[in-house]
Amino acid sequence: MKSKGTAYLLWLVSFFGWLGFQHFYLGKVGKGIIWIITFGVFGFGSLIDLFTLGGAVDNYNTNQELKTIRTASMAAATAAASAATTKKD
């Protein structure tokens, strides 16, 4: 799980978001590169990040939890199918 505090700290350390470190932290490499090239989309994107970064961290964490749940349910379904096939034989 990613931390909102770390994301905001990276925003602050990267010259108030101009270098996009917060996007690299959240796995958005393409967006991070755009932030570096355009200096945070000329500062406007960095300002918007100030207000939306917490939600972005929440979205990242939710997506990771859903992936974990899906993986666990697929593993359980595979195990059940395997057990059913073994029982038939």
PDB file of N, CA and C in Angstrom:
ATOM      1  N   MET A   1       0.838  -1.189   0.000  1.00  0.00           N
ATOM      2  CA  MET A   1       0.000   0.000   0.000  1.00  0.00           C
ATOM      3  C   MET A   1       0.875   1.242   0.000  1.00  0.00           C
ATOM      4  N   LYS A   2       0.453   2.192  -0.776  1.00  0.00           N
ATOM      5  CA  LYS A   2       1.173   3.460  -0.860  1.00  0.00           C
ATOM      6  C   LYS A   2       0.627   4.420   0.191  1.00  0.00           C
ATOM      7  N   SER A   3       1.487   5.326   0.621  1.00  0.00           N
ATOM      8  CA  SER A   3       1.142   6.273   1.666  1.00  0.00           C
ATOM      9  C   SER A   3       0.879   7.661   1.074  1.00  0.00           C
ATOM     10  N   LYS A   4      -0.180   8.306   1.571  1.00  0.00           N
ATOM     11  CA  LYS A   4      -0.466   9.673   1.138  1.00  0.00           C
ATOM     12  C   LYS A   4       0.645  10.614   1.592  1.00  0.00           C
ATOM     13  N   GLY A   5       1.159  10.380   2.789  1.00  0.00           N
ATOM     14  CA  GLY A   5       2.237  11.224   3.313  1.00  0.00           C
ATOM     15  C   GLY A   5       3.466  11.173   2.433  1.00  0.00           C
ATOM     16  N   THR A   6       3.837   9.971   1.993  1.00  0.00           N
ATOM     17  CA  THR A   6       4.996   9.826   1.116  1.00  0.00           C
ATOM     18  C   THR A   6       4.740  10.503  -0.223  1.00  0.00           C
ATOM     19  N   ALA A   7       3.533  10.343  -0.764  1.00  0.00           N
ATOM     20  CA  ALA A   7       3.194  10.967  -2.045  1.00  0.00           C
ATOM     21  C   ALA A   7       3.295  12.488  -1.952  1.00  0.00           C
ATOM     22  N   TYR A   8       2.757  13.052  -0.875  1.00  0.00           N
ATOM     23  CA  TYR A   8       2.830  14.509  -0.718  1.00  0.00           C
ATOM     24  C   TYR A   8       4.268  14.975  -0.443  1.00  0.00           C
ATOM     25  N   LEU A   9       5.037  14.169   0.262  1.00  0.00           N
ATOM     26  CA  LEU A   9       6.440  14.509   0.493  1.00  0.00           C
ATOM     27  C   LEU A   9       7.203  14.530  -0.832  1.00  0.00           C
ATOM     28  N   LEU A  10       6.955  13.544  -1.681  1.00  0.00           N
ATOM     29  CA  LEU A  10       7.594  13.528  -3.002  1.00  0.00           C
ATOM     30  C   LEU A  10       7.139  14.712  -3.842  1.00  0.00           C
ATOM     31  N   TRP A  11       5.874  15.091  -3.719  1.00  0.00           N
ATOM     32  CA  TRP A  11       5.373  16.276  -4.415  1.00  0.00           C
ATOM     33  C   TRP A  11       6.154  17.508  -3.974  1.00  0.00           C
ATOM     34  N   LEU A  12       6.363  17.620  -2.669  1.00  0.00           N
ATOM     35  CA  LEU A  12       7.070  18.775  -2.115  1.00  0.00           C
ATOM     36  C   LEU A  12       8.538  18.772  -2.519  1.00  0.00           C
ATOM     37  N   VAL A  13       9.185  17.614  -2.428  1.00  0.00           N
ATOM     38  CA  VAL A  13      10.610  17.499  -2.733  1.00  0.00           C
ATOM     39  C   VAL A  13      10.886  17.756  -4.214  1.00  0.00           C
ATOM     40  N   SER A  14       9.919  17.417  -5.068  1.00  0.00           N
ATOM     41  CA  SER A  14      10.135  17.606  -6.505  1.00  0.00           C
ATOM     42  C   SER A  14       9.726  19.012  -6.947  1.00  0.00           C
ATOM     43  N   PHE A  15      10.117  19.989  -6.142  1.00  0.00           N
ATOM     44  CA  PHE A  15       9.848  21.401  -6.421  1.00  0.00           C
ATOM     45  C   PHE A  15       8.355  21.648  -6.619  1.00  0.00           C
ATOM     46  N   PHE A  16       7.589  21.258  -5.599  1.00  0.00           N
ATOM     47  CA  PHE A  16       6.132  21.424  -5.590  1.00  0.00           C
ATOM     48  C   PHE A  16       5.484  20.709  -6.764  1.00  0.00           C
ATOM     49  N   GLY A  17       5.999  19.508  -7.054  1.00  0.00           N
ATOM     50  CA  GLY A  17       5.398  18.657  -8.069  1.00  0.00           C
ATOM     51  C   GLY A  17       5.883  18.865  -9.480  1.00  0.00           C
ATOM     52  N   TRP A  18       6.742  19.824  -9.712  1.00  0.00           N
ATOM     53  CA  TRP A  18       7.176  20.130 -11.073  1.00  0.00           C
ATOM     54  C   TRP A  18       7.944  18.984 -11.714  1.00  0.00           C
ATOM     55  N   LEU A  19       8.632  18.170 -10.920  1.00  0.00           N
ATOM     56  CA  LEU A  19       9.407  17.067 -11.483  1.00  0.00           C
ATOM     57  C   LEU A  19       8.646  15.747 -11.490  1.00  0.00           C
ATOM     58  N   GLY A  20       7.468  15.703 -10.922  1.00  0.00           N
ATOM     59  CA  GLY A  20       6.577  14.554 -11.026  1.00  0.00           C
ATOM     60  C   GLY A  20       6.969  13.307 -10.268  1.00  0.00           C
ATOM     61  N   PHE A  21       7.794  13.422  -9.233  1.00  0.00           N
ATOM     62  CA  PHE A  21       8.199  12.235  -8.472  1.00  0.00           C
ATOM     63  C   PHE A  21       6.996  11.485  -7.931  1.00  0.00           C
ATOM     64  N   GLN A  22       5.927  12.208  -7.583  1.00  0.00           N
ATOM     65  CA  GLN A  22       4.735  11.584  -7.022  1.00  0.00           C
ATOM     66  C   GLN A  22       4.089  10.631  -8.026  1.00  0.00           C
ATOM     67  N   HIS A  23       4.201  10.921  -9.303  1.00  0.00           N
ATOM     68  CA  HIS A  23       3.605  10.046 -10.318  1.00  0.00           C
ATOM     69  C   HIS A  23       4.427   8.772 -10.496  1.00  0.00           C
ATOM     70  N   PHE A  24       5.742   8.896 -10.424  1.00  0.00           N
ATOM     71  CA  PHE A  24       6.584   7.705 -10.477  1.00  0.00           C
ATOM     72  C   PHE A  24       6.283   6.801  -9.286  1.00  0.00           C
ATOM     73  N   TYR A  25       6.060   7.389  -8.127  1.00  0.00           N
ATOM     74  CA  TYR A  25       5.741   6.636  -6.908  1.00  0.00           C
ATOM     75  C   TYR A  25       4.460   5.825  -7.082  1.00  0.00           C
ATOM     76  N   LEU A  26       3.495   6.378  -7.803  1.00  0.00           N
ATOM     77  CA  LEU A  26       2.215   5.703  -8.013  1.00  0.00           C
ATOM     78  C   LEU A  26       2.222   4.824  -9.262  1.00  0.00           C
ATOM     79  N   GLY A  27       3.382   4.648  -9.885  1.00  0.00           N
ATOM     80  CA  GLY A  27       3.503   3.764 -11.032  1.00  0.00           C
ATOM     81  C   GLY A  27       3.075   4.374 -12.347  1.00  0.00           C
ATOM     82  N   LYS A  28       2.887   5.668 -12.393  1.00  0.00           N
ATOM     83  CA  LYS A  28       2.480   6.351 -13.619  1.00  0.00           C
ATOM     84  C   LYS A  28       3.718   6.971 -14.281  1.00  0.00           C
ATOM     85  N   VAL A  29       4.515   6.101 -14.870  1.00  0.00           N
ATOM     86  CA  VAL A  29       5.807   6.529 -15.421  1.00  0.00           C
ATOM     87  C   VAL A  29       5.626   7.519 -16.567  1.00  0.00           C
ATOM     88  N   GLY A  30       4.698   7.258 -17.453  1.00  0.00           N
ATOM     89  CA  GLY A  30       4.459   8.162 -18.579  1.00  0.00           C
ATOM     90  C   GLY A  30       4.077   9.560 -18.112  1.00  0.00           C
ATOM     91  N   LYS A  31       3.187   9.614 -17.149  1.00  0.00           N
ATOM     92  CA  LYS A  31       2.762  10.905 -16.608  1.00  0.00           C
ATOM     93  C   LYS A  31       3.928  11.603 -15.904  1.00  0.00           C
ATOM     94  N   GLY A  32       4.765  10.821 -15.221  1.00  0.00           N
ATOM     95  CA  GLY A  32       5.935  11.396 -14.565  1.00  0.00           C
ATOM     96  C   GLY A  32       6.896  12.011 -15.565  1.00  0.00           C
ATOM     97  N   ILE A  33       7.097  11.329 -16.687  1.00  0.00           N
ATOM     98  CA  ILE A  33       7.992  11.862 -17.725  1.00  0.00           C
ATOM     99  C   ILE A  33       7.425  13.150 -18.323  1.00  0.00           C
ATOM    100  N   ILE A  34       6.105  13.174 -18.550  1.00  0.00           N
ATOM    101  CA  ILE A  34       5.470  14.397 -19.058  1.00  0.00           C
ATOM    102  C   ILE A  34       5.665  15.538 -18.066  1.00  0.00           C
ATOM    103  N   TRP A  35       5.538  15.234 -16.771  1.00  0.00           N
ATOM    104  CA  TRP A  35       5.715  16.271 -15.744  1.00  0.00           C
ATOM    105  C   TRP A  35       7.148  16.815 -15.773  1.00  0.00           C
ATOM    106  N   ILE A  36       8.132  15.932 -15.971  1.00  0.00           N
ATOM    107  CA  ILE A  36       9.522  16.387 -16.020  1.00  0.00           C
ATOM    108  C   ILE A  36       9.751  17.284 -17.235  1.00  0.00           C
ATOM    109  N   ILE A  37       9.259  16.849 -18.391  1.00  0.00           N
ATOM    110  CA  ILE A  37       9.494  17.600 -19.632  1.00  0.00           C
ATOM    111  C   ILE A  37       8.803  18.956 -19.616  1.00  0.00           C
ATOM    112  N   THR A  38       7.596  19.014 -19.065  1.00  0.00           N
ATOM    113  CA  THR A  38       6.803  20.254 -19.105  1.00  0.00           C
ATOM    114  C   THR A  38       6.814  21.023 -17.789  1.00  0.00           C
ATOM    115  N   PHE A  39       7.660  20.578 -16.846  1.00  0.00           N
ATOM    116  CA  PHE A  39       7.709  21.200 -15.525  1.00  0.00           C
ATOM    117  C   PHE A  39       6.325  21.244 -14.883  1.00  0.00           C
ATOM    118  N   GLY A  40       5.732  20.052 -14.772  1.00  0.00           N
ATOM    119  CA  GLY A  40       4.421  19.945 -14.121  1.00  0.00           C
ATOM    120  C   GLY A  40       3.319  20.573 -14.930  1.00  0.00           C
ATOM    121  N   VAL A  41       3.381  20.379 -16.251  1.00  0.00           N
ATOM    122  CA  VAL A  41       2.434  20.990 -17.184  1.00  0.00           C
ATOM    123  C   VAL A  41       2.346  22.488 -16.882  1.00  0.00           C
ATOM    124  N   PHE A  42       3.525  23.082 -16.904  1.00  0.00           N
ATOM    125  CA  PHE A  42       3.701  24.525 -16.706  1.00  0.00           C
ATOM    126  C   PHE A  42       3.181  25.003 -15.357  1.00  0.00           C
ATOM    127  N   GLY A  43       3.215  24.111 -14.380  1.00  0.00           N
ATOM    128  CA  GLY A  43       2.826  24.462 -13.020  1.00  0.00           C
ATOM    129  C   GLY A  43       1.364  24.224 -12.715  1.00  0.00           C
ATOM    130  N   PHE A  44       0.517  24.218 -13.736  1.00  0.00           N
ATOM    131  CA  PHE A  44      -0.913  24.015 -13.502  1.00  0.00           C
ATOM    132  C   PHE A  44      -1.196  22.588 -13.032  1.00  0.00           C
ATOM    133  N   GLY A  45      -0.548  21.615 -13.659  1.00  0.00           N
ATOM    134  CA  GLY A  45      -0.740  20.219 -13.265  1.00  0.00           C
ATOM    135  C   GLY A  45      -0.265  19.961 -11.850  1.00  0.00           C
ATOM    136  N   SER A  46       0.830  20.610 -11.488  1.00  0.00           N
ATOM    137  CA  SER A  46       1.357  20.450 -10.132  1.00  0.00           C
ATOM    138  C   SER A  46       0.405  21.030  -9.094  1.00  0.00           C
ATOM    139  N   LEU A  47      -0.210  22.132  -9.427  1.00  0.00           N
ATOM    140  CA  LEU A  47      -1.186  22.739  -8.523  1.00  0.00           C
ATOM    141  C   LEU A  47      -2.413  21.836  -8.382  1.00  0.00           C
ATOM    142  N   ILE A  48      -2.867  21.266  -9.485  1.00  0.00           N
ATOM    143  CA  ILE A  48      -4.002  20.341  -9.436  1.00  0.00           C
ATOM    144  C   ILE A  48      -3.640  19.110  -8.613  1.00  0.00           C
ATOM    145  N   ASP A  49      -2.397  18.627  -8.762  1.00  0.00           N
ATOM    146  CA  ASP A  49      -1.946  17.474  -7.982  1.00  0.00           C
ATOM    147  C   ASP A  49      -2.055  17.723  -6.485  1.00  0.00           C
ATOM    148  N   LEU A  50      -1.841  18.945  -6.071  1.00  0.00           N
ATOM    149  CA  LEU A  50      -1.927  19.278  -4.656  1.00  0.00           C
ATOM    150  C   LEU A  50      -3.280  18.867  -4.084  1.00  0.00           C
ATOM    151  N   PHE A  51      -4.333  19.012  -4.874  1.00  0.00           N
ATOM    152  CA  PHE A  51      -5.683  18.725  -4.400  1.00  0.00           C
ATOM    153  C   PHE A  51      -6.169  17.315  -4.742  1.00  0.00           C
ATOM    154  N   THR A  52      -5.550  16.670  -5.735  1.00  0.00           N
ATOM    155  CA  THR A  52      -6.044  15.362  -6.177  1.00  0.00           C
ATOM    156  C   THR A  52      -5.127  14.194  -5.819  1.00  0.00           C
ATOM    157  N   LEU A  53      -3.972  14.477  -5.250  1.00  0.00           N
ATOM    158  CA  LEU A  53      -2.998  13.425  -4.979  1.00  0.00           C
ATOM    159  C   LEU A  53      -3.504  12.403  -3.960  1.00  0.00           C
ATOM    160  N   GLY A  54      -4.215  12.839  -2.965  1.00  0.00           N
ATOM    161  CA  GLY A  54      -4.762  11.916  -1.971  1.00  0.00           C
ATOM    162  C   GLY A  54      -5.718  10.908  -2.599  1.00  0.00           C
ATOM    163  N   GLY A  55      -6.574  11.378  -3.494  1.00  0.00           N
ATOM    164  CA  GLY A  55      -7.490  10.486  -4.202  1.00  0.00           C
ATOM    165  C   GLY A  55      -6.760   9.529  -5.122  1.00  0.00           C
ATOM    166  N   ALA A  56      -5.674  10.000  -5.739  1.00  0.00           N
ATOM    167  CA  ALA A  56      -4.881   9.136  -6.616  1.00  0.00           C
ATOM    168  C   ALA A  56      -4.236   8.001  -5.823  1.00  0.00           C
ATOM    169  N   VAL A  57      -3.782   8.305  -4.623  1.00  0.00           N
ATOM    170  CA  VAL A  57      -3.203   7.265  -3.765  1.00  0.00           C
ATOM    171  C   VAL A  57      -4.291   6.268  -3.357  1.00  0.00           C
ATOM    172  N   ASP A  58      -5.475   6.764  -3.015  1.00  0.00           N
ATOM    173  CA  ASP A  58      -6.589   5.875  -2.667  1.00  0.00           C
ATOM    174  C   ASP A  58      -6.951   4.963  -3.845  1.00  0.00           C
ATOM    175  N   ASN A  59      -6.995   5.524  -5.051  1.00  0.00           N
ATOM    176  CA  ASN A  59      -7.300   4.728  -6.242  1.00  0.00           C
ATOM    177  C   ASN A  59      -6.244   3.655  -6.474  1.00  0.00           C
ATOM    178  N   TYR A  60      -4.988   4.013  -6.309  1.00  0.00           N
ATOM    179  CA  TYR A  60      -3.904   3.045  -6.484  1.00  0.00           C
ATOM    180  C   TYR A  60      -4.052   1.896  -5.491  1.00  0.00           C
ATOM    181  N   ASN A  61      -4.275   2.236  -4.234  1.00  0.00           N
ATOM    182  CA  ASN A  61      -4.409   1.204  -3.198  1.00  0.00           C
ATOM    183  C   ASN A  61      -5.626   0.316  -3.441  1.00  0.00           C
ATOM    184  N   THR A  62      -6.739   0.904  -3.867  1.00  0.00           N
ATOM    185  CA  THR A  62      -7.942   0.122  -4.163  1.00  0.00           C
ATOM    186  C   THR A  62      -7.680  -0.845  -5.311  1.00  0.00           C
ATOM    187  N   ASN A  63      -7.027  -0.375  -6.367  1.00  0.00           N
ATOM    188  CA  ASN A  63      -6.722  -1.247  -7.505  1.00  0.00           C
ATOM    189  C   ASN A  63      -5.818  -2.400  -7.091  1.00  0.00           C
ATOM    190  N   GLN A  64      -4.839  -2.124  -6.237  1.00  0.00           N
ATOM    191  CA  GLN A  64      -3.945  -3.191  -5.780  1.00  0.00           C
ATOM    192  C   GLN A  64      -4.700  -4.222  -4.946  1.00  0.00           C
ATOM    193  N   GLU A  65      -5.608  -3.765  -4.095  1.00  0.00           N
ATOM    194  CA  GLU A  65      -6.403  -4.683  -3.282  1.00  0.00           C
ATOM    195  C   GLU A  65      -7.319  -5.532  -4.158  1.00  0.00           C
ATOM    196  N   LEU A  66      -7.923  -4.931  -5.183  1.00  0.00           N
ATOM    197  CA  LEU A  66      -8.779  -5.683  -6.095  1.00  0.00           C
ATOM    198  C   LEU A  66      -7.980  -6.741  -6.849  1.00  0.00           C
ATOM    199  N   LYS A  67      -6.765  -6.407  -7.262  1.00  0.00           N
ATOM    200  CA  LYS A  67      -5.915  -7.402  -7.932  1.00  0.00           C
ATOM    201  C   LYS A  67      -5.614  -8.564  -7.005  1.00  0.00           C
ATOM    202  N   THR A  68      -5.352  -8.268  -5.746  1.00  0.00           N
ATOM    203  CA  THR A  68      -5.080  -9.320  -4.769  1.00  0.00           C
ATOM    204  C   THR A  68      -6.303 -10.214  -4.577  1.00  0.00           C
ATOM    205  N   ILE A  69      -7.478  -9.602  -4.477  1.00  0.00           N
ATOM    206  CA  ILE A  69      -8.713 -10.370  -4.304  1.00  0.00           C
ATOM    207  C   ILE A  69      -8.976 -11.238  -5.529  1.00  0.00           C
ATOM    208  N   ARG A  70      -8.794 -10.662  -6.722  1.00  0.00           N
ATOM    209  CA  ARG A  70      -9.017 -11.437  -7.948  1.00  0.00           C
ATOM    210  C   ARG A  70      -8.056 -12.612  -8.043  1.00  0.00           C
ATOM    211  N   THR A  71      -6.799 -12.377  -7.701  1.00  0.00           N
ATOM    212  CA  THR A  71      -5.809 -13.451  -7.749  1.00  0.00           C
ATOM    213  C   THR A  71      -6.173 -14.565  -6.774  1.00  0.00           C
ATOM    214  N   ALA A  72      -6.578 -14.183  -5.569  1.00  0.00           N
ATOM    215  CA  ALA A  72      -6.948 -15.183  -4.563  1.00  0.00           C
ATOM    216  C   ALA A  72      -8.187 -15.959  -4.997  1.00  0.00           C
ATOM    217  N   SER A  73      -9.170 -15.277  -5.572  1.00  0.00           N
ATOM    218  CA  SER A  73     -10.386 -15.975  -5.989  1.00  0.00           C
ATOM    219  C   SER A  73     -10.115 -16.882  -7.185  1.00  0.00           C
ATOM    220  N   MET A  74      -9.234 -16.464  -8.085  1.00  0.00           N
ATOM    221  CA  MET A  74      -8.867 -17.323  -9.216  1.00  0.00           C
ATOM    222  C   MET A  74      -8.120 -18.557  -8.726  1.00  0.00           C
ATOM    223  N   ALA A  75      -7.244 -18.384  -7.752  1.00  0.00           N
ATOM    224  CA  ALA A  75      -6.506 -19.518  -7.192  1.00  0.00           C
ATOM    225  C   ALA A  75      -7.466 -20.486  -6.505  1.00  0.00           C
ATOM    226  N   ALA A  76      -8.452 -19.949  -5.788  1.00  0.00           N
ATOM    227  CA  ALA A  76      -9.433 -20.800  -5.117  1.00  0.00           C
ATOM    228  C   ALA A  76     -10.293 -21.545  -6.135  1.00  0.00           C
ATOM    229  N   ALA A  77     -10.684 -20.866  -7.204  1.00  0.00           N
ATOM    230  CA  ALA A  77     -11.497 -21.502  -8.235  1.00  0.00           C
ATOM    231  C   ALA A  77     -10.706 -22.594  -8.947  1.00  0.00           C
ATOM    232  N   THR A  78      -9.442 -22.327  -9.217  1.00  0.00           N
ATOM    233  CA  THR A  78      -8.588 -23.325  -9.853  1.00  0.00           C
ATOM    234  C   THR A  78      -8.413 -24.540  -8.953  1.00  0.00           C
ATOM    235  N   ALA A  79      -8.211 -24.300  -7.671  1.00  0.00           N
ATOM    236  CA  ALA A  79      -8.056 -25.399  -6.721  1.00  0.00           C
ATOM    237  C   ALA A  79      -9.335 -26.221  -6.625  1.00  0.00           C
ATOM    238  N   ALA A  80     -10.489 -25.547  -6.624  1.00  0.00           N
ATOM    239  CA  ALA A  80     -11.765 -26.257  -6.551  1.00  0.00           C
ATOM    240  C   ALA A  80     -11.990 -27.084  -7.809  1.00  0.00           C
ATOM    241  N   ALA A  81     -11.669 -26.518  -8.959  1.00  0.00           N
ATOM    242  CA  ALA A  81     -11.816 -27.253 -10.219  1.00  0.00           C
ATOM    243  C   ALA A  81     -10.888 -28.444 -10.259  1.00  0.00           C
ATOM    244  N   SER A  82      -9.689 -28.263  -9.779  1.00  0.00           N
ATOM    245  CA  SER A  82      -8.726 -29.355  -9.745  1.00  0.00           C
ATOM    246  C   SER A  82      -9.194 -30.456  -8.799  1.00  0.00           C
ATOM    247  N   ALA A  83      -9.731 -30.067  -7.671  1.00  0.00           N
ATOM    248  CA  ALA A  83     -10.235 -31.054  -6.698  1.00  0.00           C
ATOM    249  C   ALA A  83     -11.430 -31.803  -7.268  1.00  0.00           C
ATOM    250  N   ALA A  84     -12.295 -31.100  -7.990  1.00  0.00           N
ATOM    251  CA  ALA A  84     -13.453 -31.745  -8.586  1.00  0.00           C
ATOM    252  C   ALA A  84     -13.043 -32.733  -9.672  1.00  0.00           C
ATOM    253  N   THR A  85     -12.032 -32.366 -10.460  1.00  0.00           N
ATOM    254  CA  THR A  85     -11.532 -33.251 -11.518  1.00  0.00           C
ATOM    255  C   THR A  85     -10.876 -34.487 -10.906  1.00  0.00           C
ATOM    256  N   THR A  86     -10.120 -34.295  -9.846  1.00  0.00           N
ATOM    257  CA  THR A  86      -9.447 -35.406  -9.162  1.00  0.00           C
ATOM    258  C   THR A  86     -10.467 -36.334  -8.526  1.00  0.00           C
ATOM    259  N   LYS A  87     -11.547 -35.771  -8.008  1.00  0.00           N
ATOM    260  CA  LYS A  87     -12.589 -36.579  -7.342  1.00  0.00           C
ATOM    261  C   LYS A  87     -13.323 -37.453  -8.355  1.00  0.00           C
ATOM    262  N   LYS A  88     -13.507 -36.963  -9.581  1.00  0.00           N
ATOM    263  CA  LYS A  88     -14.193 -37.717 -10.615  1.00  0.00           C
ATOM    264  C   LYS A  88     -13.372 -38.938 -11.037  1.00  0.00           C
ATOM    265  N   ASP A  89     -12.052 -38.794 -11.036  1.00  0.00           N
ATOM    266  CA  ASP A  89     -11.181 -39.879 -11.481  1.00  0.00           C
ATOM    267  C   ASP A  89     -11.122 -40.897 -10.426  1.00  0.00           C
TER     268      ASP A  89
END
